[in-house]
Amino acid sequence: MSARIQHDHPSIETVRATIERAGSTAHPRLVFPEEPSLFPEGLIHVTLSDSQYRGLLDHNFEGVPQLRSVYDNARLARSRDPDASNRLREWFANSDLEFGRSVHIDVIEPGHQYGIRVPGASAVYTPVSKPDDSLASIAEELE
């Protein structure tokens, strides 16, 4: 699975997400469309600005899928370590985006891998293989 794919490849579905404030803070969160098959809760691979990260996709109190943080690895994403660098915040701070704006979410594999990009920008993704479920659960238990 090392072949790279363009964001406009027929196998990739692109949807819009909205950048909203996380509560009363100045921190961004991405609010996704309510499409359970595309956005189930769980640990995901996220591509931001050509770099691979990990995030924890969850749902807010109304059941709407959201992404509040993106980290360098799965352990940091699961714990949402407050001392670790939140790459989503950095990406937002370094972009010309504002709260209330839309971004494109490229669904490479639902529930597993997504790309986030500014509307009008292009991206090329390297698909990441899904780990064996039994091995992933053992790794989670060890962490």
C-alpha atoms as a PDB file:
ATOM      1  CA  MET A   1       0.000   0.000   0.000  1.00  0.00           C
ATOM      2  CA  SER A   2       2.795   2.447  -0.715  1.00  0.00           C
ATOM      3  CA  ALA A   3       1.202   4.013  -3.815  1.00  0.00           C
ATOM      4  CA  ARG A   4       0.416   7.676  -3.292  1.00  0.00           C
ATOM      5  CA  ILE A   5      -3.016   9.010  -4.256  1.00  0.00           C
ATOM      6  CA  GLN A   6      -4.185  12.499  -5.193  1.00  0.00           C
ATOM      7  CA  HIS A   7      -6.973  14.079  -3.154  1.00  0.00           C
ATOM      8  CA  ASP A   8      -9.222  14.033  -6.226  1.00  0.00           C
ATOM      9  CA  HIS A   9      -8.768  10.293  -6.906  1.00  0.00           C
ATOM     10  CA  PRO A  10     -12.152   8.515  -7.405  1.00  0.00           C
ATOM     11  CA  SER A  11     -11.508   6.310  -4.343  1.00  0.00           C
ATOM     12  CA  ILE A  12     -11.370   9.333  -2.020  1.00  0.00           C
ATOM     13  CA  GLU A  13     -14.559  11.002  -0.829  1.00  0.00           C
ATOM     14  CA  THR A  14     -14.204  14.669   0.121  1.00  0.00           C
ATOM     15  CA  VAL A  15     -16.563  16.327   2.603  1.00  0.00           C
ATOM     16  CA  ARG A  16     -16.558  19.659   4.391  1.00  0.00           C
ATOM     17  CA  ALA A  17     -15.900  20.136   8.091  1.00  0.00           C
ATOM     18  CA  THR A  18     -16.267  23.361  10.049  1.00  0.00           C
ATOM     19  CA  ILE A  19     -13.628  24.854  12.318  1.00  0.00           C
ATOM     20  CA  GLU A  20     -15.239  25.793  15.613  1.00  0.00           C
ATOM     21  CA  ARG A  21     -13.970  26.913  18.999  1.00  0.00           C
ATOM     22  CA  ALA A  22     -13.539  24.168  21.555  1.00  0.00           C
ATOM     23  CA  GLY A  23     -15.786  25.569  24.283  1.00  0.00           C
ATOM     24  CA  SER A  24     -14.803  29.086  25.305  1.00  0.00           C
ATOM     25  CA  THR A  25     -11.148  28.574  24.397  1.00  0.00           C
ATOM     26  CA  ALA A  26      -9.236  29.823  21.402  1.00  0.00           C
ATOM     27  CA  HIS A  27      -8.462  26.216  20.474  1.00  0.00           C
ATOM     28  CA  PRO A  28      -9.907  24.809  17.246  1.00  0.00           C
ATOM     29  CA  ARG A  29     -11.928  21.672  16.789  1.00  0.00           C
ATOM     30  CA  LEU A  30     -13.150  20.241  13.512  1.00  0.00           C
ATOM     31  CA  VAL A  31     -16.837  19.379  13.346  1.00  0.00           C
ATOM     32  CA  PHE A  32     -17.597  16.710  10.753  1.00  0.00           C
ATOM     33  CA  PRO A  33     -20.838  15.896   8.938  1.00  0.00           C
ATOM     34  CA  GLU A  34     -23.125  13.468  10.758  1.00  0.00           C
ATOM     35  CA  GLU A  35     -22.309  10.427   8.645  1.00  0.00           C
ATOM     36  CA  PRO A  36     -21.645   7.489  10.991  1.00  0.00           C
ATOM     37  CA  SER A  37     -20.267   5.248   8.255  1.00  0.00           C
ATOM     38  CA  LEU A  38     -17.600   7.836   7.380  1.00  0.00           C
ATOM     39  CA  PHE A  39     -16.773   9.029  10.898  1.00  0.00           C
ATOM     40  CA  PRO A  40     -16.997   6.286  13.538  1.00  0.00           C
ATOM     41  CA  GLU A  41     -15.336   7.004  16.883  1.00  0.00           C
ATOM     42  CA  GLY A  42     -11.783   5.835  17.384  1.00  0.00           C
ATOM     43  CA  LEU A  43      -8.096   6.371  16.822  1.00  0.00           C
ATOM     44  CA  ILE A  44      -7.331   7.602  13.299  1.00  0.00           C
ATOM     45  CA  HIS A  45      -4.436   8.533  11.029  1.00  0.00           C
ATOM     46  CA  VAL A  46      -4.541  12.199  10.000  1.00  0.00           C
ATOM     47  CA  THR A  47      -2.534  13.937   7.293  1.00  0.00           C
ATOM     48  CA  LEU A  48      -1.971  17.663   7.835  1.00  0.00           C
ATOM     49  CA  SER A  49       0.396  19.612   5.570  1.00  0.00           C
ATOM     50  CA  ASP A  50       1.979  16.433   4.159  1.00  0.00           C
ATOM     51  CA  SER A  51       2.754  14.994   7.623  1.00  0.00           C
ATOM     52  CA  GLN A  52       1.164  11.944   9.254  1.00  0.00           C
ATOM     53  CA  TYR A  53      -0.253  12.211  12.762  1.00  0.00           C
ATOM     54  CA  ARG A  54      -2.741  10.419  15.003  1.00  0.00           C
ATOM     55  CA  GLY A  55      -6.000  11.742  16.388  1.00  0.00           C
ATOM     56  CA  LEU A  56      -8.968  10.529  18.369  1.00  0.00           C
ATOM     57  CA  LEU A  57     -12.254  10.991  16.549  1.00  0.00           C
ATOM     58  CA  ASP A  58     -15.131  11.272  19.012  1.00  0.00           C
ATOM     59  CA  HIS A  59     -18.636  12.710  19.188  1.00  0.00           C
ATOM     60  CA  ASN A  60     -19.838  15.788  21.062  1.00  0.00           C
ATOM     61  CA  PHE A  61     -22.871  15.818  23.373  1.00  0.00           C
ATOM     62  CA  GLU A  62     -25.237  16.050  20.385  1.00  0.00           C
ATOM     63  CA  GLY A  63     -23.607  13.017  18.732  1.00  0.00           C
ATOM     64  CA  VAL A  64     -21.815  15.052  16.050  1.00  0.00           C
ATOM     65  CA  PRO A  65     -18.365  13.712  15.060  1.00  0.00           C
ATOM     66  CA  GLN A  66     -15.451  15.978  15.965  1.00  0.00           C
ATOM     67  CA  LEU A  67     -11.670  16.081  16.084  1.00  0.00           C
ATOM     68  CA  ARG A  68     -10.199  18.227  18.864  1.00  0.00           C
ATOM     69  CA  SER A  69      -6.534  17.330  18.683  1.00  0.00           C
ATOM     70  CA  VAL A  70      -3.889  15.650  16.552  1.00  0.00           C
ATOM     71  CA  TYR A  71      -0.596  14.325  17.943  1.00  0.00           C
ATOM     72  CA  ASP A  72       2.644  12.736  16.787  1.00  0.00           C
ATOM     73  CA  ASN A  73       1.692   9.217  17.890  1.00  0.00           C
ATOM     74  CA  ALA A  74      -1.167   7.015  19.055  1.00  0.00           C
ATOM     75  CA  ARG A  75      -0.195   7.072  22.748  1.00  0.00           C
ATOM     76  CA  LEU A  76      -0.348  10.884  22.871  1.00  0.00           C
ATOM     77  CA  ALA A  77      -3.610  10.921  20.908  1.00  0.00           C
ATOM     78  CA  ARG A  78      -5.288   8.462  23.287  1.00  0.00           C
ATOM     79  CA  SER A  79      -4.171  10.352  26.395  1.00  0.00           C
ATOM     80  CA  ARG A  80      -4.581  13.836  24.847  1.00  0.00           C
ATOM     81  CA  ASP A  81      -1.434  14.758  26.738  1.00  0.00           C
ATOM     82  CA  PRO A  82      -1.680  18.468  27.630  1.00  0.00           C
ATOM     83  CA  ASP A  83       2.125  18.787  27.529  1.00  0.00           C
ATOM     84  CA  ALA A  84       2.432  17.384  23.991  1.00  0.00           C
ATOM     85  CA  SER A  85       2.193  19.475  20.826  1.00  0.00           C
ATOM     86  CA  ASN A  86      -1.318  19.516  19.412  1.00  0.00           C
ATOM     87  CA  ARG A  87      -0.591  19.572  15.676  1.00  0.00           C
ATOM     88  CA  LEU A  88      -4.170  20.643  14.858  1.00  0.00           C
ATOM     89  CA  ARG A  89      -3.692  23.840  16.891  1.00  0.00           C
ATOM     90  CA  GLU A  90      -0.350  24.478  15.206  1.00  0.00           C
ATOM     91  CA  TRP A  91      -1.836  23.925  11.745  1.00  0.00           C
ATOM     92  CA  PHE A  92      -4.710  26.297  12.508  1.00  0.00           C
ATOM     93  CA  ALA A  93      -2.372  28.957  13.956  1.00  0.00           C
ATOM     94  CA  ASN A  94      -0.136  28.795  10.872  1.00  0.00           C
ATOM     95  CA  SER A  95      -2.998  29.012   8.375  1.00  0.00           C
ATOM     96  CA  ASP A  96      -5.149  31.913   7.240  1.00  0.00           C
ATOM     97  CA  LEU A  97      -8.248  30.138   8.542  1.00  0.00           C
ATOM     98  CA  GLU A  98     -10.680  31.546  11.070  1.00  0.00           C
ATOM     99  CA  PHE A  99     -13.355  30.005  13.256  1.00  0.00           C
ATOM    100  CA  GLY A 100     -16.516  29.316  11.281  1.00  0.00           C
ATOM    101  CA  ARG A 101     -14.643  28.491   8.062  1.00  0.00           C
ATOM    102  CA  SER A 102     -14.815  25.194   6.244  1.00  0.00           C
ATOM    103  CA  VAL A 103     -11.985  22.809   5.452  1.00  0.00           C
ATOM    104  CA  HIS A 104     -11.913  19.757   3.231  1.00  0.00           C
ATOM    105  CA  ILE A 105     -11.754  16.322   4.787  1.00  0.00           C
ATOM    106  CA  ASP A 106     -10.486  13.667   2.394  1.00  0.00           C
ATOM    107  CA  VAL A 107     -11.756  10.266   3.529  1.00  0.00           C
ATOM    108  CA  ILE A 108      -9.010   7.872   2.485  1.00  0.00           C
ATOM    109  CA  GLU A 109     -10.431   4.994   4.524  1.00  0.00           C
ATOM    110  CA  PRO A 110     -13.434   5.595   6.810  1.00  0.00           C
ATOM    111  CA  GLY A 111     -12.615   5.117  10.467  1.00  0.00           C
ATOM    112  CA  HIS A 112      -8.916   4.779   9.715  1.00  0.00           C
ATOM    113  CA  GLN A 113      -7.296   7.520   7.605  1.00  0.00           C
ATOM    114  CA  TYR A 114      -8.216  11.107   6.725  1.00  0.00           C
ATOM    115  CA  GLY A 115      -6.555  14.102   5.134  1.00  0.00           C
ATOM    116  CA  ILE A 116      -7.342  17.673   6.164  1.00  0.00           C
ATOM    117  CA  ARG A 117      -6.723  20.524   3.761  1.00  0.00           C
ATOM    118  CA  VAL A 118      -7.690  24.105   3.104  1.00  0.00           C
ATOM    119  CA  PRO A 119     -10.296  24.483   0.320  1.00  0.00           C
ATOM    120  CA  GLY A 120      -8.573  24.912  -3.010  1.00  0.00           C
ATOM    121  CA  ALA A 121      -5.343  23.245  -1.848  1.00  0.00           C
ATOM    122  CA  SER A 122      -4.234  19.960  -3.331  1.00  0.00           C
ATOM    123  CA  ALA A 123      -2.792  17.005  -1.447  1.00  0.00           C
ATOM    124  CA  VAL A 124      -1.208  13.651  -2.137  1.00  0.00           C
ATOM    125  CA  TYR A 125      -1.654  10.867   0.409  1.00  0.00           C
ATOM    126  CA  THR A 126       0.187   7.668   1.203  1.00  0.00           C
ATOM    127  CA  PRO A 127      -2.350   5.090   2.406  1.00  0.00           C
ATOM    128  CA  VAL A 128      -1.505   3.570   5.785  1.00  0.00           C
ATOM    129  CA  SER A 129      -2.232  -0.128   6.298  1.00  0.00           C
ATOM    130  CA  LYS A 130      -4.724  -1.035   8.976  1.00  0.00           C
ATOM    131  CA  PRO A 131      -3.126  -3.046  11.765  1.00  0.00           C
ATOM    132  CA  ASP A 132      -4.416  -6.499  12.573  1.00  0.00           C
ATOM    133  CA  ASP A 133      -7.232  -5.983  15.114  1.00  0.00           C
ATOM    134  CA  SER A 134      -5.820  -8.548  17.524  1.00  0.00           C
ATOM    135  CA  LEU A 135      -2.354  -6.959  17.438  1.00  0.00           C
ATOM    136  CA  ALA A 136      -3.833  -3.478  17.877  1.00  0.00           C
ATOM    137  CA  SER A 137      -5.781  -4.556  20.955  1.00  0.00           C
ATOM    138  CA  ILE A 138      -2.645  -6.107  22.481  1.00  0.00           C
ATOM    139  CA  ALA A 139      -0.734  -2.858  21.853  1.00  0.00           C
ATOM    140  CA  GLU A 140      -3.501  -0.826  23.488  1.00  0.00           C
ATOM    141  CA  GLU A 141      -3.393  -3.084  26.555  1.00  0.00           C
ATOM    142  CA  LEU A 142       0.376  -2.622  26.844  1.00  0.00           C
ATOM    143  CA  GLU A 143       0.088   1.168  26.756  1.00  0.00           C
END
